[in-house]
Amino acid sequence: MAESKSVVSADSRSSPPSRRLFSDEFKQGAVRLIVEEKYSFKAAAAAVGVCEKTLRQWHKALVPPPAPCGENASLRELREENQRLRRQLRRAELEREILKKATAYFAKESL
């Protein structure tokens, strides 16, 4: 019986993927799928061929925050804004706590 051995040469090893660069127009088009066409992040990422995390970063950078509700806002709009502001506040409080801990840590290290 003959034994088969798999041999991997140095040339056939996969190298890390190179970083792809995308134009601003491409990024805006991808974000438009989410904002205007109501694609999910997963579906839009698959459609344009990027990972979901990258698309979320583009969305965060390119989409301005929603405007505050006006005097004539509906109850639904007010609830949505309240929910959005609560999430924003939780994130800001968490970031503040992290910064406090980091400041205390580095202050202790410098002594």
PDB file of N, CA and C in Angstrom:
ATOM      1  N   MET A   1       0.825  -1.187   0.000  1.00  0.00           N
ATOM      2  CA  MET A   1       0.000   0.000   0.000  1.00  0.00           C
ATOM      3  C   MET A   1       0.863   1.240   0.000  1.00  0.00           C
ATOM      4  N   ALA A   2       0.543   2.163  -0.805  1.00  0.00           N
ATOM      5  CA  ALA A   2       1.317   3.401  -0.873  1.00  0.00           C
ATOM      6  C   ALA A   2       0.670   4.449   0.012  1.00  0.00           C
ATOM      7  N   GLU A   3       1.498   5.148   0.754  1.00  0.00           N
ATOM      8  CA  GLU A   3       1.000   6.217   1.605  1.00  0.00           C
ATOM      9  C   GLU A   3       1.087   7.536   0.850  1.00  0.00           C
ATOM     10  N   SER A   4       0.079   8.359   1.001  1.00  0.00           N
ATOM     11  CA  SER A   4       0.129   9.677   0.368  1.00  0.00           C
ATOM     12  C   SER A   4       0.399  10.716   1.443  1.00  0.00           C
ATOM     13  N   LYS A   5       1.284  11.569   1.141  1.00  0.00           N
ATOM     14  CA  LYS A   5       1.610  12.652   2.065  1.00  0.00           C
ATOM     15  C   LYS A   5       1.263  13.978   1.403  1.00  0.00           C
ATOM     16  N   SER A   6       0.698  14.841   2.168  1.00  0.00           N
ATOM     17  CA  SER A   6       0.434  16.163   1.616  1.00  0.00           C
ATOM     18  C   SER A   6       1.634  17.048   1.911  1.00  0.00           C
ATOM     19  N   VAL A   7       2.106  17.657   0.891  1.00  0.00           N
ATOM     20  CA  VAL A   7       3.268  18.527   1.006  1.00  0.00           C
ATOM     21  C   VAL A   7       2.830  19.945   0.699  1.00  0.00           C
ATOM     22  N   VAL A   8       3.161  20.836   1.586  1.00  0.00           N
ATOM     23  CA  VAL A   8       2.829  22.245   1.392  1.00  0.00           C
ATOM     24  C   VAL A   8       4.125  22.981   1.137  1.00  0.00           C
ATOM     25  N   SER A   9       4.226  23.557  -0.018  1.00  0.00           N
ATOM     26  CA  SER A   9       5.430  24.321  -0.316  1.00  0.00           C
ATOM     27  C   SER A   9       5.266  25.744   0.187  1.00  0.00           C
ATOM     28  N   ALA A  10       6.365  26.423   0.297  1.00  0.00           N
ATOM     29  CA  ALA A  10       6.343  27.799   0.792  1.00  0.00           C
ATOM     30  C   ALA A  10       5.543  28.704  -0.141  1.00  0.00           C
ATOM     31  N   ASP A  11       5.537  28.366  -1.445  1.00  0.00           N
ATOM     32  CA  ASP A  11       4.836  29.205  -2.413  1.00  0.00           C
ATOM     33  C   ASP A  11       3.316  29.050  -2.334  1.00  0.00           C
ATOM     34  N   SER A  12       2.843  27.890  -1.875  1.00  0.00           N
ATOM     35  CA  SER A  12       1.402  27.668  -1.874  1.00  0.00           C
ATOM     36  C   SER A  12       0.724  28.125  -0.588  1.00  0.00           C
ATOM     37  N   ARG A  13       1.478  28.562   0.387  1.00  0.00           N
ATOM     38  CA  ARG A  13       0.866  29.079   1.619  1.00  0.00           C
ATOM     39  C   ARG A  13       0.123  30.357   1.308  1.00  0.00           C
ATOM     40  N   SER A  14      -0.994  30.513   1.947  1.00  0.00           N
ATOM     41  CA  SER A  14      -1.759  31.728   1.679  1.00  0.00           C
ATOM     42  C   SER A  14      -1.182  32.886   2.479  1.00  0.00           C
ATOM     43  N   SER A  15      -1.038  33.983   1.824  1.00  0.00           N
ATOM     44  CA  SER A  15      -0.557  35.190   2.495  1.00  0.00           C
ATOM     45  C   SER A  15      -1.763  35.955   3.006  1.00  0.00           C
ATOM     46  N   PRO A  16      -1.554  36.816   3.978  1.00  0.00           N
ATOM     47  CA  PRO A  16      -2.695  37.587   4.477  1.00  0.00           C
ATOM     48  C   PRO A  16      -3.280  38.425   3.343  1.00  0.00           C
ATOM     49  N   PRO A  17      -4.593  38.574   3.349  1.00  0.00           N
ATOM     50  CA  PRO A  17      -5.211  39.346   2.271  1.00  0.00           C
ATOM     51  C   PRO A  17      -4.742  40.795   2.298  1.00  0.00           C
ATOM     52  N   SER A  18      -4.574  41.342   1.110  1.00  0.00           N
ATOM     53  CA  SER A  18      -4.151  42.744   1.043  1.00  0.00           C
ATOM     54  C   SER A  18      -5.349  43.641   1.350  1.00  0.00           C
ATOM     55  N   ARG A  19      -5.064  44.807   1.855  1.00  0.00           N
ATOM     56  CA  ARG A  19      -6.115  45.744   2.246  1.00  0.00           C
ATOM     57  C   ARG A  19      -6.676  46.398   0.991  1.00  0.00           C
ATOM     58  N   ARG A  20      -7.993  46.314   0.845  1.00  0.00           N
ATOM     59  CA  ARG A  20      -8.645  46.923  -0.310  1.00  0.00           C
ATOM     60  C   ARG A  20      -9.020  48.362   0.020  1.00  0.00           C
ATOM     61  N   LEU A  21      -8.913  49.214  -0.955  1.00  0.00           N
ATOM     62  CA  LEU A  21      -9.295  50.613  -0.784  1.00  0.00           C
ATOM     63  C   LEU A  21     -10.548  50.875  -1.607  1.00  0.00           C
ATOM     64  N   PHE A  22     -11.479  51.604  -1.031  1.00  0.00           N
ATOM     65  CA  PHE A  22     -12.737  51.904  -1.695  1.00  0.00           C
ATOM     66  C   PHE A  22     -12.895  53.415  -1.813  1.00  0.00           C
ATOM     67  N   SER A  23     -13.462  53.837  -2.912  1.00  0.00           N
ATOM     68  CA  SER A  23     -13.694  55.269  -3.129  1.00  0.00           C
ATOM     69  C   SER A  23     -14.830  55.737  -2.233  1.00  0.00           C
ATOM     70  N   ASP A  24     -14.859  57.034  -2.000  1.00  0.00           N
ATOM     71  CA  ASP A  24     -15.942  57.613  -1.200  1.00  0.00           C
ATOM     72  C   ASP A  24     -17.297  57.367  -1.866  1.00  0.00           C
ATOM     73  N   GLU A  25     -17.306  57.408  -3.187  1.00  0.00           N
ATOM     74  CA  GLU A  25     -18.550  57.179  -3.928  1.00  0.00           C
ATOM     75  C   GLU A  25     -19.063  55.754  -3.695  1.00  0.00           C
ATOM     76  N   PHE A  26     -18.159  54.787  -3.682  1.00  0.00           N
ATOM     77  CA  PHE A  26     -18.529  53.401  -3.425  1.00  0.00           C
ATOM     78  C   PHE A  26     -19.111  53.256  -2.019  1.00  0.00           C
ATOM     79  N   LYS A  27     -18.448  53.875  -1.041  1.00  0.00           N
ATOM     80  CA  LYS A  27     -18.912  53.805   0.348  1.00  0.00           C
ATOM     81  C   LYS A  27     -20.301  54.421   0.487  1.00  0.00           C
ATOM     82  N   GLN A  28     -20.498  55.579  -0.148  1.00  0.00           N
ATOM     83  CA  GLN A  28     -21.798  56.247  -0.066  1.00  0.00           C
ATOM     84  C   GLN A  28     -22.887  55.405  -0.725  1.00  0.00           C
ATOM     85  N   GLY A  29     -22.548  54.729  -1.826  1.00  0.00           N
ATOM     86  CA  GLY A  29     -23.504  53.847  -2.487  1.00  0.00           C
ATOM     87  C   GLY A  29     -23.888  52.672  -1.604  1.00  0.00           C
ATOM     88  N   ALA A  30     -22.914  52.115  -0.909  1.00  0.00           N
ATOM     89  CA  ALA A  30     -23.179  50.998  -0.007  1.00  0.00           C
ATOM     90  C   ALA A  30     -24.064  51.441   1.154  1.00  0.00           C
ATOM     91  N   VAL A  31     -23.778  52.600   1.709  1.00  0.00           N
ATOM     92  CA  VAL A  31     -24.586  53.124   2.819  1.00  0.00           C
ATOM     93  C   VAL A  31     -25.987  53.477   2.333  1.00  0.00           C
ATOM     94  N   ARG A  32     -26.097  53.940   1.103  1.00  0.00           N
ATOM     95  CA  ARG A  32     -27.408  54.275   0.537  1.00  0.00           C
ATOM     96  C   ARG A  32     -28.329  53.052   0.496  1.00  0.00           C
ATOM     97  N   LEU A  33     -27.745  51.862   0.281  1.00  0.00           N
ATOM     98  CA  LEU A  33     -28.558  50.647   0.286  1.00  0.00           C
ATOM     99  C   LEU A  33     -29.274  50.478   1.623  1.00  0.00           C
ATOM    100  N   ILE A  34     -28.609  50.849   2.694  1.00  0.00           N
ATOM    101  CA  ILE A  34     -29.190  50.706   4.028  1.00  0.00           C
ATOM    102  C   ILE A  34     -30.202  51.814   4.301  1.00  0.00           C
ATOM    103  N   VAL A  35     -29.794  53.034   4.022  1.00  0.00           N
ATOM    104  CA  VAL A  35     -30.613  54.190   4.388  1.00  0.00           C
ATOM    105  C   VAL A  35     -31.843  54.326   3.489  1.00  0.00           C
ATOM    106  N   GLU A  36     -31.640  54.274   2.187  1.00  0.00           N
ATOM    107  CA  GLU A  36     -32.744  54.540   1.262  1.00  0.00           C
ATOM    108  C   GLU A  36     -33.466  53.273   0.802  1.00  0.00           C
ATOM    109  N   GLU A  37     -32.705  52.222   0.533  1.00  0.00           N
ATOM    110  CA  GLU A  37     -33.302  51.001   0.004  1.00  0.00           C
ATOM    111  C   GLU A  37     -33.746  50.039   1.103  1.00  0.00           C
ATOM    112  N   LYS A  38     -33.442  50.380   2.378  1.00  0.00           N
ATOM    113  CA  LYS A  38     -33.857  49.604   3.547  1.00  0.00           C
ATOM    114  C   LYS A  38     -33.295  48.175   3.565  1.00  0.00           C
ATOM    115  N   TYR A  39     -32.080  48.004   3.028  1.00  0.00           N
ATOM    116  CA  TYR A  39     -31.385  46.720   3.140  1.00  0.00           C
ATOM    117  C   TYR A  39     -30.935  46.544   4.587  1.00  0.00           C
ATOM    118  N   SER A  40     -30.799  45.309   5.027  1.00  0.00           N
ATOM    119  CA  SER A  40     -30.175  45.061   6.324  1.00  0.00           C
ATOM    120  C   SER A  40     -28.666  45.219   6.131  1.00  0.00           C
ATOM    121  N   PHE A  41     -27.931  45.382   7.237  1.00  0.00           N
ATOM    122  CA  PHE A  41     -26.482  45.506   7.116  1.00  0.00           C
ATOM    123  C   PHE A  41     -25.898  44.251   6.472  1.00  0.00           C
ATOM    124  N   LYS A  42     -26.411  43.095   6.875  1.00  0.00           N
ATOM    125  CA  LYS A  42     -25.893  41.829   6.350  1.00  0.00           C
ATOM    126  C   LYS A  42     -26.130  41.722   4.844  1.00  0.00           C
ATOM    127  N   ALA A  43     -27.335  42.046   4.402  1.00  0.00           N
ATOM    128  CA  ALA A  43     -27.675  41.952   2.982  1.00  0.00           C
ATOM    129  C   ALA A  43     -26.899  42.970   2.155  1.00  0.00           C
ATOM    130  N   ALA A  44     -26.764  44.184   2.660  1.00  0.00           N
ATOM    131  CA  ALA A  44     -26.033  45.216   1.927  1.00  0.00           C
ATOM    132  C   ALA A  44     -24.544  44.856   1.824  1.00  0.00           C
ATOM    133  N   ALA A  45     -23.983  44.334   2.909  1.00  0.00           N
ATOM    134  CA  ALA A  45     -22.566  43.939   2.898  1.00  0.00           C
ATOM    135  C   ALA A  45     -22.329  42.833   1.875  1.00  0.00           C
ATOM    136  N   ALA A  46     -23.229  41.870   1.822  1.00  0.00           N
ATOM    137  CA  ALA A  46     -23.101  40.785   0.851  1.00  0.00           C
ATOM    138  C   ALA A  46     -23.253  41.320  -0.573  1.00  0.00           C
ATOM    139  N   ALA A  47     -24.148  42.264  -0.769  1.00  0.00           N
ATOM    140  CA  ALA A  47     -24.398  42.814  -2.097  1.00  0.00           C
ATOM    141  C   ALA A  47     -23.193  43.563  -2.654  1.00  0.00           C
ATOM    142  N   VAL A  48     -22.459  44.259  -1.801  1.00  0.00           N
ATOM    143  CA  VAL A  48     -21.316  45.050  -2.286  1.00  0.00           C
ATOM    144  C   VAL A  48     -19.981  44.349  -2.073  1.00  0.00           C
ATOM    145  N   GLY A  49     -19.987  43.222  -1.364  1.00  0.00           N
ATOM    146  CA  GLY A  49     -18.767  42.441  -1.210  1.00  0.00           C
ATOM    147  C   GLY A  49     -17.804  42.937  -0.149  1.00  0.00           C
ATOM    148  N   VAL A  50     -18.330  43.449   0.951  1.00  0.00           N
ATOM    149  CA  VAL A  50     -17.483  43.864   2.077  1.00  0.00           C
ATOM    150  C   VAL A  50     -18.023  43.192   3.333  1.00  0.00           C
ATOM    151  N   CYS A  51     -17.235  43.201   4.395  1.00  0.00           N
ATOM    152  CA  CYS A  51     -17.734  42.590   5.628  1.00  0.00           C
ATOM    153  C   CYS A  51     -18.706  43.565   6.314  1.00  0.00           C
ATOM    154  N   GLU A  52     -19.566  42.988   7.117  1.00  0.00           N
ATOM    155  CA  GLU A  52     -20.608  43.773   7.781  1.00  0.00           C
ATOM    156  C   GLU A  52     -20.014  44.833   8.706  1.00  0.00           C
ATOM    157  N   LYS A  53     -18.930  44.497   9.392  1.00  0.00           N
ATOM    158  CA  LYS A  53     -18.298  45.440  10.316  1.00  0.00           C
ATOM    159  C   LYS A  53     -17.816  46.687   9.570  1.00  0.00           C
ATOM    160  N   THR A  54     -17.229  46.477   8.405  1.00  0.00           N
ATOM    161  CA  THR A  54     -16.756  47.607   7.593  1.00  0.00           C
ATOM    162  C   THR A  54     -17.920  48.490   7.187  1.00  0.00           C
ATOM    163  N   LEU A  55     -19.003  47.863   6.755  1.00  0.00           N
ATOM    164  CA  LEU A  55     -20.178  48.627   6.334  1.00  0.00           C
ATOM    165  C   LEU A  55     -20.766  49.419   7.499  1.00  0.00           C
ATOM    166  N   ARG A  56     -20.776  48.835   8.692  1.00  0.00           N
ATOM    167  CA  ARG A  56     -21.275  49.556   9.865  1.00  0.00           C
ATOM    168  C   ARG A  56     -20.402  50.777  10.175  1.00  0.00           C
ATOM    169  N   GLN A  57     -19.094  50.647   9.993  1.00  0.00           N
ATOM    170  CA  GLN A  57     -18.195  51.782  10.216  1.00  0.00           C
ATOM    171  C   GLN A  57     -18.462  52.882   9.195  1.00  0.00           C
ATOM    172  N   TRP A  58     -18.654  52.513   7.945  1.00  0.00           N
ATOM    173  CA  TRP A  58     -18.972  53.506   6.914  1.00  0.00           C
ATOM    174  C   TRP A  58     -20.294  54.196   7.244  1.00  0.00           C
ATOM    175  N   HIS A  59     -21.286  53.431   7.650  1.00  0.00           N
ATOM    176  CA  HIS A  59     -22.597  53.985   7.986  1.00  0.00           C
ATOM    177  C   HIS A  59     -22.471  55.003   9.109  1.00  0.00           C
ATOM    178  N   LYS A  60     -21.721  54.624  10.139  1.00  0.00           N
ATOM    179  CA  LYS A  60     -21.541  55.521  11.287  1.00  0.00           C
ATOM    180  C   LYS A  60     -20.863  56.826  10.872  1.00  0.00           C
ATOM    181  N   ALA A  61     -19.891  56.724   9.958  1.00  0.00           N
ATOM    182  CA  ALA A  61     -19.136  57.902   9.532  1.00  0.00           C
ATOM    183  C   ALA A  61     -19.909  58.777   8.551  1.00  0.00           C
ATOM    184  N   LEU A  62     -20.751  58.178   7.724  1.00  0.00           N
ATOM    185  CA  LEU A  62     -21.369  58.921   6.632  1.00  0.00           C
ATOM    186  C   LEU A  62     -22.792  59.397   6.882  1.00  0.00           C
ATOM    187  N   VAL A  63     -23.504  58.758   7.791  1.00  0.00           N
ATOM    188  CA  VAL A  63     -24.894  59.136   8.028  1.00  0.00           C
ATOM    189  C   VAL A  63     -24.948  60.100   9.206  1.00  0.00           C
ATOM    190  N   PRO A  64     -25.475  61.294   8.980  1.00  0.00           N
ATOM    191  CA  PRO A  64     -25.575  62.242  10.096  1.00  0.00           C
ATOM    192  C   PRO A  64     -26.611  61.762  11.109  1.00  0.00           C
ATOM    193  N   PRO A  65     -26.445  62.141  12.366  1.00  0.00           N
ATOM    194  CA  PRO A  65     -27.436  61.731  13.366  1.00  0.00           C
ATOM    195  C   PRO A  65     -28.790  62.353  13.042  1.00  0.00           C
ATOM    196  N   PRO A  66     -29.857  61.687  13.391  1.00  0.00           N
ATOM    197  CA  PRO A  66     -31.183  62.234  13.083  1.00  0.00           C
ATOM    198  C   PRO A  66     -31.431  63.540  13.824  1.00  0.00           C
ATOM    199  N   ALA A  67     -32.204  64.378  13.193  1.00  0.00           N
ATOM    200  CA  ALA A  67     -32.538  65.674  13.799  1.00  0.00           C
ATOM    201  C   ALA A  67     -33.494  65.460  14.965  1.00  0.00           C
ATOM    202  N   PRO A  68     -33.432  66.315  15.974  1.00  0.00           N
ATOM    203  CA  PRO A  68     -34.367  66.194  17.098  1.00  0.00           C
ATOM    204  C   PRO A  68     -35.803  66.384  16.615  1.00  0.00           C
ATOM    205  N   CYS A  69     -36.712  65.772  17.338  1.00  0.00           N
ATOM    206  CA  CYS A  69     -38.135  65.916  17.004  1.00  0.00           C
ATOM    207  C   CYS A  69     -38.565  67.367  17.216  1.00  0.00           C
ATOM    208  N   GLY A  70     -39.477  67.797  16.416  1.00  0.00           N
ATOM    209  CA  GLY A  70     -39.988  69.160  16.548  1.00  0.00           C
ATOM    210  C   GLY A  70     -41.207  69.211  17.442  1.00  0.00           C
ATOM    211  N   GLU A  71     -41.840  70.350  17.472  1.00  0.00           N
ATOM    212  CA  GLU A  71     -43.020  70.568  18.301  1.00  0.00           C
ATOM    213  C   GLU A  71     -44.193  69.686  17.874  1.00  0.00           C
ATOM    214  N   ASN A  72     -44.265  69.364  16.594  1.00  0.00           N
ATOM    215  CA  ASN A  72     -45.416  68.623  16.070  1.00  0.00           C
ATOM    216  C   ASN A  72     -45.113  67.137  15.908  1.00  0.00           C
ATOM    217  N   ALA A  73     -44.195  66.610  16.673  1.00  0.00           N
ATOM    218  CA  ALA A  73     -43.806  65.211  16.533  1.00  0.00           C
ATOM    219  C   ALA A  73     -44.901  64.284  17.057  1.00  0.00           C
ATOM    220  N   SER A  74     -45.008  63.137  16.405  1.00  0.00           N
ATOM    221  CA  SER A  74     -45.984  62.142  16.858  1.00  0.00           C
ATOM    222  C   SER A  74     -45.427  61.400  18.073  1.00  0.00           C
ATOM    223  N   LEU A  75     -46.300  60.687  18.726  1.00  0.00           N
ATOM    224  CA  LEU A  75     -45.895  59.916  19.899  1.00  0.00           C
ATOM    225  C   LEU A  75     -44.841  58.872  19.510  1.00  0.00           C
ATOM    226  N   ARG A  76     -45.020  58.237  18.366  1.00  0.00           N
ATOM    227  CA  ARG A  76     -44.068  57.239  17.883  1.00  0.00           C
ATOM    228  C   ARG A  76     -42.694  57.866  17.665  1.00  0.00           C
ATOM    229  N   GLU A  77     -42.655  59.050  17.045  1.00  0.00           N
ATOM    230  CA  GLU A  77     -41.380  59.733  16.804  1.00  0.00           C
ATOM    231  C   GLU A  77     -40.702  60.110  18.124  1.00  0.00           C
ATOM    232  N   LEU A  78     -41.486  60.558  19.066  1.00  0.00           N
ATOM    233  CA  LEU A  78     -40.933  60.914  20.374  1.00  0.00           C
ATOM    234  C   LEU A  78     -40.362  59.687  21.092  1.00  0.00           C
ATOM    235  N   ARG A  79     -41.059  58.571  20.995  1.00  0.00           N
ATOM    236  CA  ARG A  79     -40.557  57.337  21.618  1.00  0.00           C
ATOM    237  C   ARG A  79     -39.257  56.877  20.958  1.00  0.00           C
ATOM    238  N   GLU A  80     -39.209  56.944  19.629  1.00  0.00           N
ATOM    239  CA  GLU A  80     -37.996  56.541  18.911  1.00  0.00           C
ATOM    240  C   GLU A  80     -36.819  57.434  19.296  1.00  0.00           C
ATOM    241  N   GLU A  81     -37.076  58.743  19.372  1.00  0.00           N
ATOM    242  CA  GLU A  81     -36.010  59.655  19.759  1.00  0.00           C
ATOM    243  C   GLU A  81     -35.566  59.391  21.194  1.00  0.00           C
ATOM    244  N   ASN A  82     -36.515  59.145  22.076  1.00  0.00           N
ATOM    245  CA  ASN A  82     -36.188  58.853  23.467  1.00  0.00           C
ATOM    246  C   ASN A  82     -35.325  57.591  23.562  1.00  0.00           C
ATOM    247  N   GLN A  83     -35.675  56.571  22.825  1.00  0.00           N
ATOM    248  CA  GLN A  83     -34.904  55.331  22.813  1.00  0.00           C
ATOM    249  C   GLN A  83     -33.491  55.571  22.272  1.00  0.00           C
ATOM    250  N   ARG A  84     -33.388  56.338  21.189  1.00  0.00           N
ATOM    251  CA  ARG A  84     -32.085  56.656  20.604  1.00  0.00           C
ATOM    252  C   ARG A  84     -31.220  57.435  21.590  1.00  0.00           C
ATOM    253  N   LEU A  85     -31.823  58.401  22.276  1.00  0.00           N
ATOM    254  CA  LEU A  85     -31.076  59.216  23.235  1.00  0.00           C
ATOM    255  C   LEU A  85     -30.648  58.400  24.454  1.00  0.00           C
ATOM    256  N   ARG A  86     -31.474  57.455  24.867  1.00  0.00           N
ATOM    257  CA  ARG A  86     -31.085  56.577  25.981  1.00  0.00           C
ATOM    258  C   ARG A  86     -29.881  55.716  25.609  1.00  0.00           C
ATOM    259  N   ARG A  87     -29.890  55.168  24.390  1.00  0.00           N
ATOM    260  CA  ARG A  87     -28.739  54.382  23.927  1.00  0.00           C
ATOM    261  C   ARG A  87     -27.484  55.244  23.875  1.00  0.00           C
ATOM    262  N   GLN A  88     -27.631  56.451  23.368  1.00  0.00           N
ATOM    263  CA  GLN A  88     -26.512  57.380  23.269  1.00  0.00           C
ATOM    264  C   GLN A  88     -25.969  57.725  24.657  1.00  0.00           C
ATOM    265  N   LEU A  89     -26.856  57.944  25.610  1.00  0.00           N
ATOM    266  CA  LEU A  89     -26.454  58.258  26.980  1.00  0.00           C
ATOM    267  C   LEU A  89     -25.723  57.079  27.617  1.00  0.00           C
ATOM    268  N   ARG A  90     -26.258  55.858  27.447  1.00  0.00           N
ATOM    269  CA  ARG A  90     -25.588  54.668  28.005  1.00  0.00           C
ATOM    270  C   ARG A  90     -24.176  54.533  27.457  1.00  0.00           C
ATOM    271  N   ARG A  91     -24.027  54.754  26.171  1.00  0.00           N
ATOM    272  CA  ARG A  91     -22.701  54.651  25.551  1.00  0.00           C
ATOM    273  C   ARG A  91     -21.760  55.720  26.105  1.00  0.00           C
ATOM    274  N   ALA A  92     -22.245  56.950  26.234  1.00  0.00           N
ATOM    275  CA  ALA A  92     -21.416  58.032  26.768  1.00  0.00           C
ATOM    276  C   ALA A  92     -21.010  57.761  28.209  1.00  0.00           C
ATOM    277  N   GLU A  93     -21.942  57.219  29.004  1.00  0.00           N
ATOM    278  CA  GLU A  93     -21.613  56.896  30.402  1.00  0.00           C
ATOM    279  C   GLU A  93     -20.574  55.786  30.471  1.00  0.00           C
ATOM    280  N   LEU A  94     -20.700  54.787  29.620  1.00  0.00           N
ATOM    281  CA  LEU A  94     -19.722  53.702  29.578  1.00  0.00           C
ATOM    282  C   LEU A  94     -18.343  54.222  29.167  1.00  0.00           C
ATOM    283  N   GLU A  95     -18.312  55.063  28.144  1.00  0.00           N
ATOM    284  CA  GLU A  95     -17.038  55.646  27.709  1.00  0.00           C
ATOM    285  C   GLU A  95     -16.409  56.470  28.829  1.00  0.00           C
ATOM    286  N   ARG A  96     -17.228  57.232  29.556  1.00  0.00           N
ATOM    287  CA  ARG A  96     -16.721  58.035  30.668  1.00  0.00           C
ATOM    288  C   ARG A  96     -16.115  57.149  31.755  1.00  0.00           C
ATOM    289  N   GLU A  97     -16.784  56.049  32.080  1.00  0.00           N
ATOM    290  CA  GLU A  97     -16.267  55.122  33.096  1.00  0.00           C
ATOM    291  C   GLU A  97     -14.938  54.511  32.654  1.00  0.00           C
ATOM    292  N   ILE A  98     -14.843  54.161  31.396  1.00  0.00           N
ATOM    293  CA  ILE A  98     -13.589  53.602  30.870  1.00  0.00           C
ATOM    294  C   ILE A  98     -12.469  54.631  30.976  1.00  0.00           C
ATOM    295  N   LEU A  99     -12.765  55.867  30.621  1.00  0.00           N
ATOM    296  CA  LEU A  99     -11.751  56.922  30.704  1.00  0.00           C
ATOM    297  C   LEU A  99     -11.332  57.189  32.144  1.00  0.00           C
ATOM    298  N   LYS A 100     -12.282  57.143  33.075  1.00  0.00           N
ATOM    299  CA  LYS A 100     -11.940  57.332  34.495  1.00  0.00           C
ATOM    300  C   LYS A 100     -10.974  56.253  34.955  1.00  0.00           C
ATOM    301  N   LYS A 101     -11.281  54.996  34.618  1.00  0.00           N
ATOM    302  CA  LYS A 101     -10.425  53.884  35.020  1.00  0.00           C
ATOM    303  C   LYS A 101      -9.047  53.989  34.375  1.00  0.00           C
ATOM    304  N   ALA A 102      -9.008  54.372  33.110  1.00  0.00           N
ATOM    305  CA  ALA A 102      -7.727  54.512  32.426  1.00  0.00           C
ATOM    306  C   ALA A 102      -6.906  55.635  33.054  1.00  0.00           C
ATOM    307  N   THR A 103      -7.559  56.735  33.383  1.00  0.00           N
ATOM    308  CA  THR A 103      -6.862  57.859  34.014  1.00  0.00           C
ATOM    309  C   THR A 103      -6.288  57.443  35.365  1.00  0.00           C
ATOM    310  N   ALA A 104      -7.079  56.746  36.151  1.00  0.00           N
ATOM    311  CA  ALA A 104      -6.603  56.287  37.462  1.00  0.00           C
ATOM    312  C   ALA A 104      -5.450  55.310  37.310  1.00  0.00           C
ATOM    313  N   TYR A 105      -5.544  54.422  36.330  1.00  0.00           N
ATOM    314  CA  TYR A 105      -4.482  53.443  36.101  1.00  0.00           C
ATOM    315  C   TYR A 105      -3.174  54.136  35.722  1.00  0.00           C
ATOM    316  N   PHE A 106      -3.235  55.060  34.776  1.00  0.00           N
ATOM    317  CA  PHE A 106      -2.015  55.719  34.314  1.00  0.00           C
ATOM    318  C   PHE A 106      -1.474  56.690  35.362  1.00  0.00           C
ATOM    319  N   ALA A 107      -2.346  57.290  36.185  1.00  0.00           N
ATOM    320  CA  ALA A 107      -1.883  58.151  37.262  1.00  0.00           C
ATOM    321  C   ALA A 107      -1.123  57.339  38.288  1.00  0.00           C
ATOM    322  N   LYS A 108      -1.599  56.134  38.579  1.00  0.00           N
ATOM    323  CA  LYS A 108      -0.937  55.242  39.534  1.00  0.00           C
ATOM    324  C   LYS A 108       0.406  54.774  38.948  1.00  0.00           C
ATOM    325  N   GLU A 109       0.457  54.509  37.667  1.00  0.00           N
ATOM    326  CA  GLU A 109       1.690  54.059  37.006  1.00  0.00           C
ATOM    327  C   GLU A 109       2.762  55.141  37.004  1.00  0.00           C
ATOM    328  N   SER A 110       2.352  56.400  36.913  1.00  0.00           N
ATOM    329  CA  SER A 110       3.331  57.486  36.810  1.00  0.00           C
ATOM    330  C   SER A 110       3.950  57.863  38.148  1.00  0.00           C
ATOM    331  N   LEU A 111       3.402  57.370  39.246  1.00  0.00           N
ATOM    332  CA  LEU A 111       3.952  57.694  40.563  1.00  0.00           C
ATOM    333  C   LEU A 111       5.188  56.920  40.861  1.00  0.00           C
TER     334      LEU A 111
END
